[in-house]
Amino acid sequence: MALKSMTGYARTDGSNEDCAWVWEVKSVNAKGLDVRSRLGQFDNLEPKVREYAQARFQRGNISVNLQVSWARPTTIYQVNLEVLDQMQGAMADIQARFPDSAPPSIDGLLGLRGVVETGEAVLDEDRRVILEQAFMADLERALDHLAEVRGAEGAHLHQVIENQLANINDLRGQSEALAATQPDAIRTRLAAQVMELIDTVPALPEERLAQEAAMLMLKADVREELDRLAAHCEAASALISDTGAVGRKLDFLCQEFNREANTVCSKSADIELTRVGLELKAVIEQMREQVQNVE
């Protein structure tokens, strides 16, 4: 089974002494390949994420999300001694002016703006490199799992589309049988109409009426459309067993299928043939919905 779906989901996780992490990868259908990532403070990994996805997939809207839970504090606090010295000098002046006031507490001084500064804890370069290597190894596992999921879904799509093609072929055979009886029905009906016209308009040449009748029968002939439907079925069967991304080609074929079915319905001079033509259109539309998910 060569077909691959564009829809799927995969998840992997890992941890070390610094943090625990989770990769989530989702994929839905798209005209081309679109990779979007949410990596937080590790957005420098985005080019590699895109490279890894492009190596495995040709179509699909792929969302990659990295969640990191740190095992150590990520925020550090630092006392700005210069600001603290300024505040202490200012407090000394205030106490000199207001000797009865209580001296400032440590908590009060530390609560003043600018005395305590916050920042993010930074990994040293070696530990960051090791961590990012672990991240990318787990991302590869997630993408490989996503490829497996898309392949399994593709096997299901292969079976569904194969059944729909068989249904289309069966309806095409019914249409051929009905189309074979259509010329006689048209000839009988037109003969009666021609005789009525000759009686009503005697000056109308019988030869001209015969020519018009022949043109109507030619326009009602659906054998060419049915032959093209057979060729499209063969092409689609070959595509779903081919390797690579065939979704776009299948989508184009579905448009051709629909065009032939529309023409069969518009040419039909028989109620039963019209019914079969409408059923053909319904099956083709169902197949096209499935094809939208094929890579």
Protein backbone atom coordinates (compact mmCIF):
# COMPACT_ATOMS: atom_id res chain seq x y z
CA MET A 1 0.00 0.00 0.00
CA ALA A 2 1.74 3.15 -1.22
CA LEU A 3 -0.77 5.84 -0.25
CA LYS A 4 0.03 8.10 2.69
CA SER A 5 -2.44 10.28 4.55
CA MET A 6 -1.77 13.89 5.51
CA THR A 7 -3.50 13.60 8.88
CA GLY A 8 -1.97 12.25 12.08
CA TYR A 9 -0.69 12.94 15.59
CA ALA A 10 2.42 11.87 17.51
CA ARG A 11 3.91 12.60 20.93
CA THR A 12 7.27 11.85 22.58
CA ASP A 13 8.81 12.92 25.88
CA GLY A 14 12.16 12.88 27.65
CA SER A 15 14.00 14.31 30.65
CA ASN A 16 17.41 14.90 32.24
CA GLU A 17 18.69 16.59 35.41
CA ASP A 18 17.79 20.04 34.06
CA CYS A 19 14.26 19.57 32.76
CA ALA A 20 11.56 17.35 31.26
CA TRP A 21 10.18 17.95 27.76
CA VAL A 22 7.33 16.88 25.51
CA TRP A 23 7.10 17.05 21.70
CA GLU A 24 3.64 17.13 20.12
CA VAL A 25 3.36 16.88 16.34
CA LYS A 26 0.07 17.25 14.47
CA SER A 27 -0.60 17.03 10.76
CA VAL A 28 -3.62 17.95 8.62
CA ASN A 29 -4.18 18.22 4.89
CA ALA A 30 -2.81 21.13 2.85
CA LYS A 31 -1.97 21.92 -0.77
CA GLY A 32 1.77 21.89 -0.02
CA LEU A 33 4.07 21.39 2.95
CA ASP A 34 3.73 23.97 5.70
CA VAL A 35 5.71 23.46 8.94
CA ARG A 36 4.88 25.65 11.93
CA SER A 37 6.60 25.36 15.30
CA ARG A 38 6.22 26.68 18.84
CA LEU A 39 9.54 26.20 20.63
CA GLY A 40 9.58 28.82 23.39
CA GLN A 41 13.11 29.86 24.33
CA PHE A 42 14.51 27.24 21.94
CA ASP A 43 13.24 28.92 18.77
CA ASN A 44 16.80 28.71 17.42
CA LEU A 45 15.94 25.07 16.65
CA GLU A 46 13.27 26.07 14.11
CA PRO A 47 15.48 25.59 11.00
CA LYS A 48 16.35 22.05 12.12
CA VAL A 49 12.71 21.29 12.90
CA ARG A 50 11.77 22.36 9.37
CA GLU A 51 14.65 20.35 7.88
CA TYR A 52 13.65 17.19 9.75
CA ALA A 53 9.99 17.53 8.65
CA GLN A 54 10.89 18.20 5.02
CA ALA A 55 13.04 15.07 4.98
CA ARG A 56 9.98 12.94 5.82
CA PHE A 57 6.93 14.63 4.31
CA GLN A 58 6.01 16.25 1.01
CA ARG A 59 2.57 17.64 1.81
CA GLY A 60 0.56 18.61 4.88
CA ASN A 61 0.17 21.36 7.43
CA ILE A 62 2.44 20.19 10.27
CA SER A 63 2.39 21.81 13.72
CA VAL A 64 5.33 21.11 16.04
CA ASN A 65 5.10 22.08 19.71
CA LEU A 66 7.83 21.78 22.38
CA GLN A 67 6.93 22.05 26.07
CA VAL A 68 9.72 22.24 28.66
CA SER A 69 9.31 21.88 32.46
CA TRP A 70 12.44 22.89 34.33
CA ALA A 71 13.68 20.90 37.33
CA ARG A 72 15.75 23.85 38.58
CA PRO A 73 14.75 27.51 39.12
CA THR A 74 14.54 29.45 35.88
CA THR A 75 14.43 32.88 37.57
CA ILE A 76 17.38 34.34 39.50
CA TYR A 77 17.31 37.30 41.94
CA GLN A 78 20.14 39.76 42.40
CA VAL A 79 20.53 42.73 44.79
CA ASN A 80 21.63 45.91 43.07
CA LEU A 81 24.14 47.10 45.69
CA GLU A 82 24.59 50.50 44.04
CA VAL A 83 20.89 51.28 44.30
CA LEU A 84 20.81 49.88 47.84
CA ASP A 85 23.67 52.19 48.90
CA GLN A 86 21.81 55.17 47.46
CA MET A 87 18.65 54.17 49.34
CA GLN A 88 20.56 53.79 52.61
CA GLY A 89 22.08 57.26 52.18
CA ALA A 90 18.65 58.69 51.50
CA MET A 91 17.23 56.92 54.59
CA ALA A 92 20.01 58.38 56.75
CA ASP A 93 19.04 61.87 55.61
CA ILE A 94 15.37 61.14 56.30
CA GLN A 95 16.12 59.87 59.82
CA ALA A 96 18.21 62.96 60.52
CA ARG A 97 15.20 65.10 59.65
CA PHE A 98 12.74 62.83 61.45
CA PRO A 99 14.64 61.40 64.45
CA ASP A 100 11.53 59.87 65.99
CA SER A 101 10.81 57.72 62.95
CA ALA A 102 11.58 54.01 63.04
CA PRO A 103 14.65 52.89 61.13
CA PRO A 104 13.99 51.18 57.80
CA SER A 105 13.75 47.38 57.88
CA ILE A 106 15.61 45.06 55.54
CA ASP A 107 12.29 43.93 54.09
CA GLY A 108 11.35 47.51 53.39
CA LEU A 109 14.66 48.28 51.66
CA LEU A 110 14.51 45.11 49.54
CA GLY A 111 10.94 45.92 48.52
CA LEU A 112 11.96 49.25 46.98
CA ARG A 113 11.96 49.36 43.19
CA GLY A 114 15.34 48.65 41.64
CA VAL A 115 16.96 47.15 44.72
CA VAL A 116 16.17 43.52 43.77
CA GLU A 117 16.50 42.62 40.09
CA THR A 118 15.23 39.45 38.42
CA GLY A 119 16.58 37.60 35.42
CA GLU A 120 16.50 34.23 33.69
CA ALA A 121 18.91 31.51 34.65
CA VAL A 122 21.11 30.74 31.65
CA LEU A 123 22.46 27.32 30.81
CA ASP A 124 26.13 27.21 30.02
CA GLU A 125 26.87 26.50 26.37
CA ASP A 126 27.95 22.88 26.79
CA ARG A 127 24.84 21.90 28.75
CA ARG A 128 22.59 23.72 26.27
CA VAL A 129 24.16 21.85 23.33
CA ILE A 130 23.63 18.50 25.08
CA LEU A 131 20.04 19.41 25.90
CA GLU A 132 19.24 20.49 22.34
CA GLN A 133 20.72 17.26 20.99
CA ALA A 134 18.39 15.32 23.28
CA PHE A 135 15.47 17.46 22.10
CA MET A 136 16.18 16.78 18.43
CA ALA A 137 16.63 13.03 18.98
CA ASP A 138 13.17 12.87 20.53
CA LEU A 139 11.73 15.06 17.75
CA GLU A 140 13.03 12.56 15.20
CA ARG A 141 11.20 9.81 17.08
CA ALA A 142 8.00 11.89 17.06
CA LEU A 143 8.26 12.61 13.32
CA ASP A 144 8.98 8.94 12.57
CA HIS A 145 5.91 7.97 14.57
CA LEU A 146 3.85 10.57 12.70
CA ALA A 147 5.05 9.09 9.41
CA GLU A 148 3.92 5.64 10.61
CA VAL A 149 0.50 7.00 11.59
CA ARG A 150 0.11 8.72 8.22
CA GLY A 151 1.14 5.51 6.49
CA ALA A 152 -1.43 3.45 8.41
CA GLU A 153 -4.14 5.97 7.58
CA GLY A 154 -2.95 5.88 3.96
CA ALA A 155 -3.47 2.10 3.87
CA HIS A 156 -7.07 2.68 4.99
CA LEU A 157 -7.53 5.37 2.34
CA HIS A 158 -6.14 2.98 -0.28
CA GLN A 159 -8.85 0.43 0.52
CA VAL A 160 -11.62 3.04 0.57
CA ILE A 161 -10.59 4.60 -2.75
CA GLU A 162 -10.13 1.17 -4.32
CA ASN A 163 -13.70 0.26 -3.35
CA GLN A 164 -14.99 3.55 -4.73
CA LEU A 165 -13.20 2.96 -8.04
CA ALA A 166 -14.82 -0.48 -8.24
CA ASN A 167 -18.19 1.18 -7.61
CA ILE A 168 -17.53 3.73 -10.36
CA ASN A 169 -16.59 0.95 -12.77
CA ASP A 170 -19.78 -0.92 -11.91
CA LEU A 171 -21.92 2.18 -12.50
CA ARG A 172 -20.05 2.85 -15.73
CA GLY A 173 -20.95 -0.68 -16.90
CA GLN A 174 -24.61 -0.01 -16.07
CA SER A 175 -24.41 3.25 -18.02
CA GLU A 176 -22.98 1.45 -21.05
CA ALA A 177 -25.85 -1.04 -21.03
CA LEU A 178 -28.42 1.75 -20.76
CA ALA A 179 -26.65 3.87 -23.38
CA ALA A 180 -26.82 0.97 -25.84
CA THR A 181 -30.63 1.14 -25.75
CA GLN A 182 -30.75 4.92 -25.99
CA PRO A 183 -30.43 5.27 -29.83
CA ASP A 184 -33.44 3.03 -30.45
CA ALA A 185 -35.51 4.96 -27.91
CA ILE A 186 -34.47 8.29 -29.44
CA ARG A 187 -35.13 7.00 -32.97
CA THR A 188 -38.64 5.84 -32.06
CA ARG A 189 -39.51 9.06 -30.27
CA LEU A 190 -38.08 11.28 -33.02
CA ALA A 191 -39.86 9.29 -35.76
CA ALA A 192 -43.16 10.05 -34.10
CA GLN A 193 -42.21 13.72 -33.69
CA VAL A 194 -41.04 13.97 -37.32
CA MET A 195 -44.31 12.55 -38.62
CA GLU A 196 -46.22 15.01 -36.46
CA LEU A 197 -44.15 17.91 -37.80
CA ILE A 198 -44.64 16.82 -41.42
CA ASP A 199 -48.37 16.70 -40.90
CA THR A 200 -48.33 20.13 -39.24
CA VAL A 201 -45.85 21.83 -41.58
CA PRO A 202 -46.09 20.06 -44.98
CA ALA A 203 -43.53 22.41 -46.57
CA LEU A 204 -40.81 21.26 -44.17
CA PRO A 205 -38.46 18.92 -46.09
CA GLU A 206 -38.39 15.39 -44.68
CA GLU A 207 -34.66 15.19 -45.46
CA ARG A 208 -33.96 18.23 -43.24
CA LEU A 209 -35.91 16.67 -40.40
CA ALA A 210 -33.90 13.47 -40.76
CA GLN A 211 -30.68 15.47 -40.51
CA GLU A 212 -31.86 17.18 -37.32
CA ALA A 213 -32.83 13.82 -35.87
CA ALA A 214 -29.37 12.44 -36.64
CA MET A 215 -27.74 15.44 -34.91
CA LEU A 216 -29.85 14.89 -31.81
CA MET A 217 -28.85 11.24 -31.66
CA LEU A 218 -25.19 12.18 -32.03
CA LYS A 219 -25.44 14.71 -29.18
CA ALA A 220 -27.07 12.08 -26.95
CA ASP A 221 -24.25 9.55 -27.50
CA VAL A 222 -22.36 9.07 -24.19
CA ARG A 223 -20.00 6.30 -25.29
CA GLU A 224 -17.03 8.67 -25.54
CA GLU A 225 -17.55 9.91 -21.96
CA LEU A 226 -17.88 6.34 -20.68
CA ASP A 227 -14.67 5.34 -22.46
CA ARG A 228 -12.85 8.23 -20.78
CA LEU A 229 -14.29 7.18 -17.41
CA ALA A 230 -12.79 3.72 -17.95
CA ALA A 231 -9.41 5.28 -18.73
CA HIS A 232 -9.60 7.49 -15.64
CA CYS A 233 -10.34 4.43 -13.47
CA GLU A 234 -7.24 2.69 -14.83
CA ALA A 235 -5.11 5.80 -14.19
CA ALA A 236 -6.42 6.17 -10.64
CA SER A 237 -5.77 2.48 -9.87
CA ALA A 238 -2.18 2.90 -11.04
CA LEU A 239 -1.72 6.05 -8.94
CA ILE A 240 -2.93 4.58 -5.65
CA SER A 241 -0.35 1.80 -6.03
CA ASP A 242 2.46 4.21 -6.94
CA THR A 243 5.08 5.52 -4.54
CA GLY A 244 5.53 9.18 -3.66
CA ALA A 245 3.03 12.00 -3.25
CA VAL A 246 0.14 11.34 -5.64
CA GLY A 247 -2.60 13.33 -3.89
CA ARG A 248 -2.56 16.24 -6.34
CA LYS A 249 -2.75 13.94 -9.36
CA LEU A 250 -5.64 12.06 -7.80
CA ASP A 251 -7.42 15.32 -7.08
CA PHE A 252 -7.04 16.37 -10.72
CA LEU A 253 -8.37 12.97 -11.85
CA CYS A 254 -11.41 13.43 -9.62
CA GLN A 255 -12.16 16.67 -11.46
CA GLU A 256 -11.99 14.75 -14.76
CA PHE A 257 -14.24 12.02 -13.35
CA ASN A 258 -16.77 14.65 -12.36
CA ARG A 259 -16.63 16.34 -15.76
CA GLU A 260 -17.47 13.09 -17.58
CA ALA A 261 -20.29 12.25 -15.14
CA ASN A 262 -21.78 15.72 -15.62
CA THR A 263 -21.71 15.28 -19.40
CA VAL A 264 -23.38 11.86 -19.14
CA CYS A 265 -26.21 13.40 -17.10
CA SER A 266 -26.61 16.37 -19.47
CA LYS A 267 -26.72 14.11 -22.57
CA SER A 268 -29.00 11.50 -21.07
CA ALA A 269 -32.39 11.08 -22.72
CA ASP A 270 -33.34 8.24 -20.39
CA ILE A 271 -34.53 8.54 -16.78
CA GLU A 272 -32.66 5.41 -15.68
CA LEU A 273 -29.40 6.58 -17.28
CA THR A 274 -29.81 9.94 -15.53
CA ARG A 275 -30.29 8.15 -12.21
CA VAL A 276 -27.11 6.14 -12.72
CA GLY A 277 -25.28 9.31 -13.77
CA LEU A 278 -26.32 11.07 -10.56
CA GLU A 279 -25.17 8.07 -8.51
CA LEU A 280 -21.85 8.26 -10.36
CA LYS A 281 -21.52 11.91 -9.36
CA ALA A 282 -22.22 11.06 -5.71
CA VAL A 283 -19.56 8.31 -5.59
CA ILE A 284 -17.04 10.55 -7.35
CA GLU A 285 -17.65 13.32 -4.81
CA GLN A 286 -17.17 10.85 -1.96
CA MET A 287 -13.90 9.70 -3.51
CA ARG A 288 -12.71 13.26 -3.91
CA GLU A 289 -13.34 13.90 -0.20
CA GLN A 290 -11.05 10.98 0.61
CA VAL A 291 -8.44 12.10 -1.91
CA GLN A 292 -8.17 15.48 -0.12
CA ASN A 293 -6.33 13.64 2.68
CA VAL A 294 -3.84 11.84 0.43
CA GLU A 295 -0.27 13.17 0.51
